[in-house]
Protein backbone atom coordinates (compact mmCIF):
# COMPACT_ATOMS: atom_id res chain seq x y z
CA MET A 1 -10.84 3.66 -21.33
CA ASN A 2 -8.83 4.57 -24.35
CA PHE A 3 -5.23 3.42 -24.03
CA ALA A 4 -4.32 5.57 -27.04
CA SER A 5 -5.03 8.61 -24.85
CA VAL A 6 -2.40 7.58 -22.28
CA ASN A 7 0.74 9.68 -22.34
CA TRP A 8 3.27 6.83 -22.48
CA LEU A 9 6.24 9.14 -21.92
CA GLY A 10 4.53 10.25 -18.71
CA VAL A 11 4.00 6.62 -17.69
CA ILE A 12 7.68 5.81 -18.27
CA LEU A 13 8.73 8.88 -16.28
CA CYS A 14 6.42 7.84 -13.44
CA VAL A 15 8.00 4.38 -13.33
CA VAL A 16 11.48 5.92 -13.19
CA VAL A 17 10.31 8.31 -10.45
CA ASP A 18 8.83 5.38 -8.52
CA PHE A 19 12.20 3.62 -8.48
CA ILE A 20 14.10 6.79 -7.56
CA VAL A 21 11.73 7.79 -4.75
CA GLY A 22 11.68 4.26 -3.35
CA SER A 23 15.47 3.98 -3.48
CA VAL A 24 15.92 7.26 -1.66
CA TRP A 25 13.02 6.78 0.78
CA TYR A 26 14.10 3.33 1.88
CA HIS A 27 17.82 4.08 1.91
CA PRO A 28 19.35 3.00 5.26
CA LYS A 29 20.31 6.61 6.03
CA ILE A 30 16.76 7.83 5.40
CA PHE A 31 13.90 5.55 6.53
CA TYR A 32 14.90 1.91 5.99
CA ASP A 33 16.54 1.34 9.39
CA ILE A 34 13.74 3.15 11.23
CA TRP A 35 11.15 1.13 9.29
CA ARG A 36 13.01 -2.15 9.95
CA LYS A 37 13.48 -1.47 13.67
CA ALA A 38 9.83 -0.43 14.08
CA GLN A 39 8.89 -3.94 12.93
CA ASN A 40 11.54 -5.68 15.01
CA LEU A 41 13.14 -7.10 11.88
CA PRO A 42 16.72 -8.35 12.21
CA GLU A 43 19.66 -6.27 10.97
CA THR A 44 20.64 -9.19 8.77
CA ARG A 45 17.32 -9.00 6.92
CA THR A 46 17.77 -8.89 3.16
CA PRO A 47 15.44 -6.25 1.71
CA GLY A 48 13.04 -7.83 -0.75
CA GLY A 49 13.99 -11.40 0.06
CA VAL A 50 16.01 -13.85 -1.94
CA ASN A 51 14.75 -13.46 -5.51
CA MET A 52 15.53 -9.81 -6.23
CA GLY A 53 14.88 -10.24 -9.96
CA LEU A 54 11.29 -11.15 -9.19
CA VAL A 55 10.99 -8.33 -6.65
CA TRP A 56 12.27 -5.67 -9.07
CA GLY A 57 10.25 -7.10 -11.96
CA LEU A 58 6.99 -7.06 -10.02
CA THR A 59 7.83 -3.62 -8.65
CA ALA A 60 8.16 -2.37 -12.23
CA VAL A 61 4.87 -4.03 -13.23
CA GLY A 62 3.14 -2.47 -10.23
CA ALA A 63 4.55 0.97 -11.07
CA ILE A 64 3.41 0.64 -14.69
CA VAL A 65 -0.12 -0.37 -13.68
CA LEU A 66 -0.30 2.45 -11.13
CA ALA A 67 1.00 5.03 -13.62
CA ILE A 68 -1.50 3.96 -16.29
CA ALA A 69 -4.37 4.07 -13.78
CA MET A 70 -3.19 7.49 -12.59
CA ALA A 71 -3.07 8.70 -16.19
CA PHE A 72 -6.75 7.82 -16.60
CA VAL A 73 -7.71 9.35 -13.25
CA VAL A 74 -5.73 12.56 -13.79
CA LYS A 75 -7.28 12.98 -17.23
CA SER A 76 -10.81 12.19 -16.00
CA ILE A 77 -10.89 14.10 -12.72
CA GLY A 78 -8.42 16.79 -13.74
CA GLY A 79 -10.57 17.47 -16.79
CA LEU A 80 -13.50 18.29 -14.50
CA MET A 81 -11.50 20.74 -12.36
CA PRO A 82 -11.14 24.47 -12.99
CA GLY A 83 -8.18 24.90 -15.31
CA GLY A 84 -8.49 21.38 -16.69
CA VAL A 85 -5.67 18.89 -16.74
CA ASN A 86 -2.48 20.60 -15.61
CA LEU A 87 0.39 20.14 -13.19
CA ALA A 88 -1.39 21.63 -10.17
CA ASN A 89 -4.57 19.66 -10.72
CA GLY A 90 -2.51 16.51 -11.32
CA VAL A 91 -0.85 17.02 -7.92
CA LEU A 92 -4.26 17.53 -6.31
CA VAL A 93 -5.59 14.35 -7.92
CA GLY A 94 -2.50 12.48 -6.70
CA PHE A 95 -3.09 13.79 -3.19
CA MET A 96 -6.75 12.79 -3.22
CA MET A 97 -5.89 9.31 -4.52
CA TRP A 98 -3.38 8.96 -1.68
CA LEU A 99 -5.78 10.33 0.95
CA GLY A 100 -8.76 8.31 -0.24
CA PHE A 101 -7.17 4.98 -1.10
CA ILE A 102 -3.55 4.54 0.01
CA ALA A 103 -3.46 6.13 3.47
CA PRO A 104 -6.58 4.43 4.89
CA THR A 105 -5.78 1.04 3.31
CA TYR A 106 -2.27 1.01 4.74
CA LEU A 107 -3.59 2.23 8.10
CA VAL A 108 -5.99 -0.68 8.43
CA ASN A 109 -3.41 -3.21 7.19
CA ASN A 110 -0.75 -1.93 9.60
CA LEU A 111 -3.09 -1.75 12.57
CA PHE A 112 -4.33 -5.31 12.10
CA ALA A 113 -0.77 -6.53 11.51
CA GLY A 114 0.32 -4.81 14.73
CA ARG A 115 2.92 -2.66 13.00
CA GLY A 116 1.71 0.66 14.34
CA PHE A 117 1.82 4.25 13.18
CA LYS A 118 5.56 4.64 12.61
CA VAL A 119 5.61 1.93 9.96
CA TRP A 120 2.38 3.31 8.51
CA ALA A 121 3.79 6.85 8.31
CA ILE A 122 6.95 5.71 6.53
CA GLU A 123 5.09 3.53 4.05
CA VAL A 124 2.36 6.02 3.21
CA GLY A 125 4.89 8.85 3.07
CA ASN A 126 6.60 7.02 0.23
CA TRP A 127 3.29 6.66 -1.58
CA LEU A 128 2.38 10.29 -0.98
CA ALA A 129 5.63 11.41 -2.61
CA ASN A 130 5.05 9.04 -5.53
CA LEU A 131 1.43 9.96 -6.17
CA LEU A 132 2.11 13.70 -5.95
CA LEU A 133 4.94 13.32 -8.46
CA PHE A 134 2.91 10.99 -10.69
CA GLY A 135 0.06 13.51 -10.71
CA ALA A 136 2.46 16.37 -11.49
CA ILE A 137 4.09 14.49 -14.35
CA LEU A 138 0.84 13.21 -15.86
CA GLY A 139 -0.91 16.55 -15.40
CA ALA A 140 1.96 18.51 -16.96
CA LEU A 141 2.37 16.12 -19.89
CA HIS A 142 -1.31 15.54 -20.64
């Protein structure tokens, strides 16, 4: 792992994209109310809890870690694909990361927590959008 090989502009763009996608995805007029109702959470529920500074700070840290990891994976796996590291291969890597790690992990967690498929679909849909966009950004800016 060579951190000097990470495209830091790409990482920053991925973090911004993560916040934008999450804000749109979980907007009350998009999926938030459906997601909340599927879990029988009260209407008065405050998203994220009480300490929003901590929530947003850890969300940013998580997005940075994910973007850096994706940068390594896109470069490594994309470099082995026909055409090398590019936008299309970055998207494919993002999809495979989602399919292989995010979707099944969230499925198991949601099933054991009794939250069901609707919650799972909303949550993994958000991650699918993010990882496809992360892969596109990191593949295009390699």
